[in-house]
Amino acid sequence: MTGDKSRSVFREPDNLNVRIWRYIDFTKFVSLLDLKALYFPRSDLLGDPFEGAMPRDNFRFYSLMYGTPPMTPEGLQEISQLRRELRKRVYINCWHMNER
């Protein structure tokens, strides 16, 4: 990594020689090499209806942790709708750092 590490939002890996993995189909791999650019699909188009979802227990935990009133069914519905809208504005490109 270069630049001011104190301002970075990314944690430098313990092993700078660690392998970085990305599983993509052959067409996207050729595109990556040809265009020298990454493909970022919109999260709502990935085919997983739970992509970006947060389990309801997280809301219960938040309530217990911060002493706020429990989320109402209406509030949960509103957050669910907000998540569906947000998925149209989030683009994803996932990689994995590991030796195997």
N, C-alpha and C. Protein backbone atom coordinates (compact mmCIF):
# COMPACT_ATOMS: atom_id res chain seq x y z
N MET A 1 0.84 -1.18 0.00
CA MET A 1 0.00 0.00 0.00
C MET A 1 0.88 1.24 0.00
N THR A 2 0.39 2.24 -0.60
CA THR A 2 1.15 3.49 -0.63
C THR A 2 0.31 4.59 -0.02
N GLY A 3 0.94 5.67 0.29
CA GLY A 3 0.20 6.81 0.83
C GLY A 3 0.16 6.80 2.34
N ASP A 4 -0.66 7.66 2.87
CA ASP A 4 -0.79 7.85 4.32
C ASP A 4 -1.65 6.74 4.90
N LYS A 5 -1.01 5.78 5.62
CA LYS A 5 -1.72 4.64 6.19
C LYS A 5 -2.72 5.06 7.26
N SER A 6 -2.48 6.18 7.93
CA SER A 6 -3.39 6.61 8.99
C SER A 6 -4.74 7.04 8.43
N ARG A 7 -4.82 7.31 7.13
CA ARG A 7 -6.06 7.77 6.52
C ARG A 7 -6.74 6.66 5.72
N SER A 8 -6.10 5.50 5.63
CA SER A 8 -6.62 4.41 4.82
C SER A 8 -7.80 3.72 5.52
N VAL A 9 -8.79 3.32 4.73
CA VAL A 9 -9.92 2.57 5.28
C VAL A 9 -9.67 1.06 5.15
N PHE A 10 -8.57 0.70 4.51
CA PHE A 10 -8.23 -0.71 4.31
C PHE A 10 -7.10 -1.12 5.23
N ARG A 11 -7.26 -2.28 5.83
CA ARG A 11 -6.21 -2.81 6.71
C ARG A 11 -5.20 -3.56 5.86
N GLU A 12 -3.94 -3.25 6.02
CA GLU A 12 -2.89 -3.94 5.29
C GLU A 12 -2.79 -5.37 5.81
N PRO A 13 -2.69 -6.37 4.92
CA PRO A 13 -2.61 -7.76 5.38
C PRO A 13 -1.32 -8.02 6.14
N ASP A 14 -1.37 -8.98 7.06
CA ASP A 14 -0.17 -9.35 7.82
C ASP A 14 0.92 -9.87 6.88
N ASN A 15 0.50 -10.65 5.88
CA ASN A 15 1.42 -11.22 4.91
C ASN A 15 1.21 -10.49 3.57
N LEU A 16 2.16 -9.69 3.17
CA LEU A 16 2.02 -8.92 1.93
C LEU A 16 2.11 -9.79 0.68
N ASN A 17 2.49 -11.06 0.85
CA ASN A 17 2.57 -11.98 -0.28
C ASN A 17 1.39 -12.94 -0.33
N VAL A 18 0.36 -12.67 0.43
CA VAL A 18 -0.81 -13.55 0.46
C VAL A 18 -1.48 -13.58 -0.92
N ARG A 19 -2.06 -14.71 -1.27
CA ARG A 19 -2.75 -14.82 -2.55
C ARG A 19 -4.11 -14.15 -2.48
N ILE A 20 -4.50 -13.55 -3.59
CA ILE A 20 -5.81 -12.91 -3.69
C ILE A 20 -6.59 -13.65 -4.76
N TRP A 21 -7.79 -14.12 -4.40
CA TRP A 21 -8.61 -14.96 -5.27
C TRP A 21 -9.86 -14.22 -5.73
N ARG A 22 -10.26 -14.55 -6.94
CA ARG A 22 -11.52 -14.04 -7.48
C ARG A 22 -12.05 -15.09 -8.45
N TYR A 23 -13.24 -15.60 -8.17
CA TYR A 23 -13.86 -16.57 -9.07
C TYR A 23 -14.79 -15.84 -10.03
N ILE A 24 -14.46 -15.91 -11.32
CA ILE A 24 -15.28 -15.29 -12.36
C ILE A 24 -15.34 -16.24 -13.55
N ASP A 25 -16.35 -16.08 -14.37
CA ASP A 25 -16.42 -16.93 -15.56
C ASP A 25 -15.37 -16.45 -16.58
N PHE A 26 -15.13 -17.29 -17.56
CA PHE A 26 -14.06 -17.03 -18.53
C PHE A 26 -14.28 -15.72 -19.29
N THR A 27 -15.52 -15.44 -19.66
CA THR A 27 -15.82 -14.22 -20.41
C THR A 27 -15.43 -12.97 -19.61
N LYS A 28 -15.78 -12.95 -18.33
CA LYS A 28 -15.43 -11.79 -17.49
C LYS A 28 -13.92 -11.72 -17.27
N PHE A 29 -13.26 -12.88 -17.22
CA PHE A 29 -11.80 -12.89 -17.07
C PHE A 29 -11.14 -12.26 -18.30
N VAL A 30 -11.58 -12.66 -19.49
CA VAL A 30 -11.03 -12.08 -20.73
C VAL A 30 -11.31 -10.58 -20.77
N SER A 31 -12.51 -10.17 -20.36
CA SER A 31 -12.85 -8.76 -20.32
C SER A 31 -11.93 -8.00 -19.36
N LEU A 32 -11.65 -8.59 -18.20
CA LEU A 32 -10.76 -7.98 -17.21
C LEU A 32 -9.38 -7.73 -17.82
N LEU A 33 -8.86 -8.74 -18.55
CA LEU A 33 -7.54 -8.59 -19.17
C LEU A 33 -7.57 -7.59 -20.32
N ASP A 34 -8.61 -7.67 -21.13
CA ASP A 34 -8.71 -6.81 -22.31
C ASP A 34 -8.93 -5.34 -21.95
N LEU A 35 -9.87 -5.09 -21.05
CA LEU A 35 -10.23 -3.71 -20.69
C LEU A 35 -9.39 -3.15 -19.55
N LYS A 36 -8.69 -4.05 -18.83
CA LYS A 36 -7.94 -3.65 -17.64
C LYS A 36 -8.87 -2.92 -16.66
N ALA A 37 -10.05 -3.49 -16.51
CA ALA A 37 -11.07 -2.89 -15.65
C ALA A 37 -11.87 -3.99 -14.96
N LEU A 38 -12.37 -3.70 -13.79
CA LEU A 38 -13.19 -4.64 -13.04
C LEU A 38 -14.66 -4.44 -13.36
N TYR A 39 -15.41 -5.52 -13.28
CA TYR A 39 -16.86 -5.49 -13.49
C TYR A 39 -17.54 -5.45 -12.13
N PHE A 40 -18.43 -4.50 -11.93
CA PHE A 40 -19.18 -4.35 -10.68
C PHE A 40 -20.67 -4.47 -10.98
N PRO A 41 -21.26 -5.67 -10.77
CA PRO A 41 -22.70 -5.79 -10.99
C PRO A 41 -23.49 -5.13 -9.86
N ARG A 42 -24.68 -4.68 -10.18
CA ARG A 42 -25.58 -4.11 -9.17
C ARG A 42 -26.03 -5.24 -8.25
N SER A 43 -26.07 -5.01 -6.96
CA SER A 43 -26.34 -6.08 -5.99
C SER A 43 -27.74 -6.69 -6.15
N ASP A 44 -28.71 -5.94 -6.64
CA ASP A 44 -30.05 -6.50 -6.79
C ASP A 44 -30.16 -7.40 -8.03
N LEU A 45 -29.13 -7.44 -8.85
CA LEU A 45 -29.15 -8.25 -10.07
C LEU A 45 -28.34 -9.54 -9.93
N LEU A 46 -27.87 -9.84 -8.73
CA LEU A 46 -27.04 -11.03 -8.52
C LEU A 46 -27.85 -12.31 -8.37
N GLY A 47 -29.16 -12.20 -8.21
CA GLY A 47 -29.99 -13.40 -8.10
C GLY A 47 -30.22 -13.89 -6.68
N ASP A 48 -29.64 -13.23 -5.69
CA ASP A 48 -29.83 -13.61 -4.30
C ASP A 48 -30.71 -12.57 -3.63
N PRO A 49 -31.97 -12.93 -3.31
CA PRO A 49 -32.87 -11.95 -2.72
C PRO A 49 -32.42 -11.48 -1.33
N PHE A 50 -31.51 -12.21 -0.70
CA PHE A 50 -31.04 -11.83 0.64
C PHE A 50 -29.72 -11.08 0.61
N GLU A 51 -29.19 -10.81 -0.58
CA GLU A 51 -27.95 -10.03 -0.69
C GLU A 51 -28.17 -8.65 -0.05
N GLY A 52 -27.35 -8.33 0.93
CA GLY A 52 -27.48 -7.05 1.61
C GLY A 52 -28.47 -7.05 2.77
N ALA A 53 -29.08 -8.20 3.03
CA ALA A 53 -30.07 -8.28 4.11
C ALA A 53 -29.38 -8.37 5.46
N MET A 54 -30.09 -7.96 6.49
CA MET A 54 -29.59 -8.07 7.85
C MET A 54 -30.61 -8.90 8.64
N PRO A 55 -30.15 -9.94 9.33
CA PRO A 55 -31.09 -10.77 10.10
C PRO A 55 -31.86 -9.95 11.12
N ARG A 56 -33.12 -10.32 11.34
CA ARG A 56 -33.95 -9.59 12.31
C ARG A 56 -33.33 -9.58 13.70
N ASP A 57 -32.62 -10.66 14.04
CA ASP A 57 -31.98 -10.71 15.36
C ASP A 57 -30.98 -9.58 15.56
N ASN A 58 -30.40 -9.07 14.46
CA ASN A 58 -29.50 -7.93 14.58
C ASN A 58 -30.23 -6.71 15.14
N PHE A 59 -31.48 -6.52 14.74
CA PHE A 59 -32.26 -5.40 15.25
C PHE A 59 -32.57 -5.59 16.74
N ARG A 60 -32.86 -6.84 17.12
CA ARG A 60 -33.10 -7.13 18.55
C ARG A 60 -31.83 -6.87 19.35
N PHE A 61 -30.68 -7.31 18.83
CA PHE A 61 -29.40 -7.11 19.50
C PHE A 61 -29.11 -5.62 19.65
N TYR A 62 -29.33 -4.86 18.59
CA TYR A 62 -29.12 -3.42 18.62
C TYR A 62 -29.96 -2.78 19.73
N SER A 63 -31.21 -3.21 19.81
CA SER A 63 -32.11 -2.68 20.83
C SER A 63 -31.59 -2.98 22.24
N LEU A 64 -31.13 -4.21 22.45
CA LEU A 64 -30.60 -4.59 23.77
C LEU A 64 -29.29 -3.86 24.08
N MET A 65 -28.45 -3.74 23.09
CA MET A 65 -27.14 -3.13 23.29
C MET A 65 -27.23 -1.65 23.60
N TYR A 66 -28.12 -0.95 22.89
CA TYR A 66 -28.20 0.51 23.04
C TYR A 66 -29.39 0.98 23.87
N GLY A 67 -30.18 0.02 24.36
CA GLY A 67 -31.30 0.39 25.22
C GLY A 67 -32.40 1.14 24.50
N THR A 68 -32.54 0.91 23.21
CA THR A 68 -33.60 1.56 22.44
C THR A 68 -34.83 0.66 22.42
N PRO A 69 -35.99 1.24 22.17
CA PRO A 69 -37.19 0.40 22.10
C PRO A 69 -37.06 -0.62 20.97
N PRO A 70 -37.70 -1.78 21.12
CA PRO A 70 -37.65 -2.79 20.05
C PRO A 70 -38.25 -2.23 18.76
N MET A 71 -37.78 -2.73 17.64
CA MET A 71 -38.27 -2.31 16.33
C MET A 71 -39.71 -2.79 16.16
N THR A 72 -40.56 -1.91 15.72
CA THR A 72 -41.96 -2.28 15.46
C THR A 72 -42.05 -3.02 14.13
N PRO A 73 -43.11 -3.80 13.92
CA PRO A 73 -43.29 -4.45 12.61
C PRO A 73 -43.30 -3.44 11.46
N GLU A 74 -43.89 -2.29 11.69
CA GLU A 74 -43.91 -1.25 10.66
C GLU A 74 -42.50 -0.75 10.36
N GLY A 75 -41.72 -0.57 11.43
CA GLY A 75 -40.34 -0.12 11.27
C GLY A 75 -39.51 -1.14 10.50
N LEU A 76 -39.70 -2.43 10.81
CA LEU A 76 -38.99 -3.48 10.08
C LEU A 76 -39.37 -3.47 8.61
N GLN A 77 -40.65 -3.24 8.33
CA GLN A 77 -41.12 -3.19 6.94
C GLN A 77 -40.50 -2.00 6.21
N GLU A 78 -40.40 -0.87 6.90
CA GLU A 78 -39.81 0.32 6.30
C GLU A 78 -38.33 0.11 5.99
N ILE A 79 -37.61 -0.52 6.92
CA ILE A 79 -36.19 -0.81 6.71
C ILE A 79 -36.01 -1.81 5.57
N SER A 80 -36.91 -2.79 5.49
CA SER A 80 -36.86 -3.77 4.42
C SER A 80 -37.03 -3.10 3.06
N GLN A 81 -37.95 -2.16 2.97
CA GLN A 81 -38.16 -1.42 1.72
C GLN A 81 -36.94 -0.57 1.39
N LEU A 82 -36.36 0.07 2.39
CA LEU A 82 -35.16 0.88 2.19
C LEU A 82 -34.01 0.00 1.67
N ARG A 83 -33.87 -1.21 2.23
CA ARG A 83 -32.82 -2.13 1.79
C ARG A 83 -33.02 -2.51 0.33
N ARG A 84 -34.28 -2.77 -0.06
CA ARG A 84 -34.55 -3.12 -1.46
C ARG A 84 -34.16 -1.97 -2.40
N GLU A 85 -34.43 -0.76 -1.99
CA GLU A 85 -34.06 0.40 -2.80
C GLU A 85 -32.54 0.60 -2.82
N LEU A 86 -31.91 0.41 -1.69
CA LEU A 86 -30.46 0.58 -1.59
C LEU A 86 -29.73 -0.43 -2.46
N ARG A 87 -30.26 -1.65 -2.59
CA ARG A 87 -29.61 -2.67 -3.42
C ARG A 87 -29.47 -2.23 -4.87
N LYS A 88 -30.31 -1.29 -5.31
CA LYS A 88 -30.21 -0.78 -6.68
C LYS A 88 -29.08 0.23 -6.83
N ARG A 89 -28.47 0.64 -5.71
CA ARG A 89 -27.42 1.65 -5.73
C ARG A 89 -26.06 1.11 -5.26
N VAL A 90 -26.03 -0.20 -4.95
CA VAL A 90 -24.80 -0.81 -4.45
C VAL A 90 -24.26 -1.76 -5.51
N TYR A 91 -22.97 -1.62 -5.82
CA TYR A 91 -22.31 -2.46 -6.81
C TYR A 91 -21.24 -3.29 -6.10
N ILE A 92 -21.08 -4.53 -6.52
CA ILE A 92 -20.26 -5.48 -5.77
C ILE A 92 -19.18 -6.10 -6.65
N ASN A 93 -18.00 -6.29 -6.06
CA ASN A 93 -16.93 -7.04 -6.68
C ASN A 93 -16.15 -7.68 -5.54
N CYS A 94 -16.31 -8.97 -5.34
CA CYS A 94 -15.77 -9.65 -4.16
C CYS A 94 -14.50 -10.42 -4.49
N TRP A 95 -13.53 -10.29 -3.60
CA TRP A 95 -12.26 -11.00 -3.69
C TRP A 95 -12.01 -11.67 -2.35
N HIS A 96 -11.09 -12.62 -2.34
CA HIS A 96 -10.80 -13.38 -1.14
C HIS A 96 -9.28 -13.46 -0.97
N MET A 97 -8.80 -13.17 0.25
CA MET A 97 -7.38 -13.23 0.54
C MET A 97 -7.12 -14.45 1.42
N ASN A 98 -6.39 -15.43 0.87
CA ASN A 98 -6.07 -16.64 1.61
C ASN A 98 -5.05 -17.44 0.81
N GLU A 99 -4.33 -18.30 1.49
CA GLU A 99 -3.34 -19.14 0.80
C GLU A 99 -4.01 -20.22 -0.05
N ARG A 100 -5.17 -20.70 0.36
CA ARG A 100 -5.87 -21.76 -0.39
C ARG A 100 -7.29 -21.35 -0.61
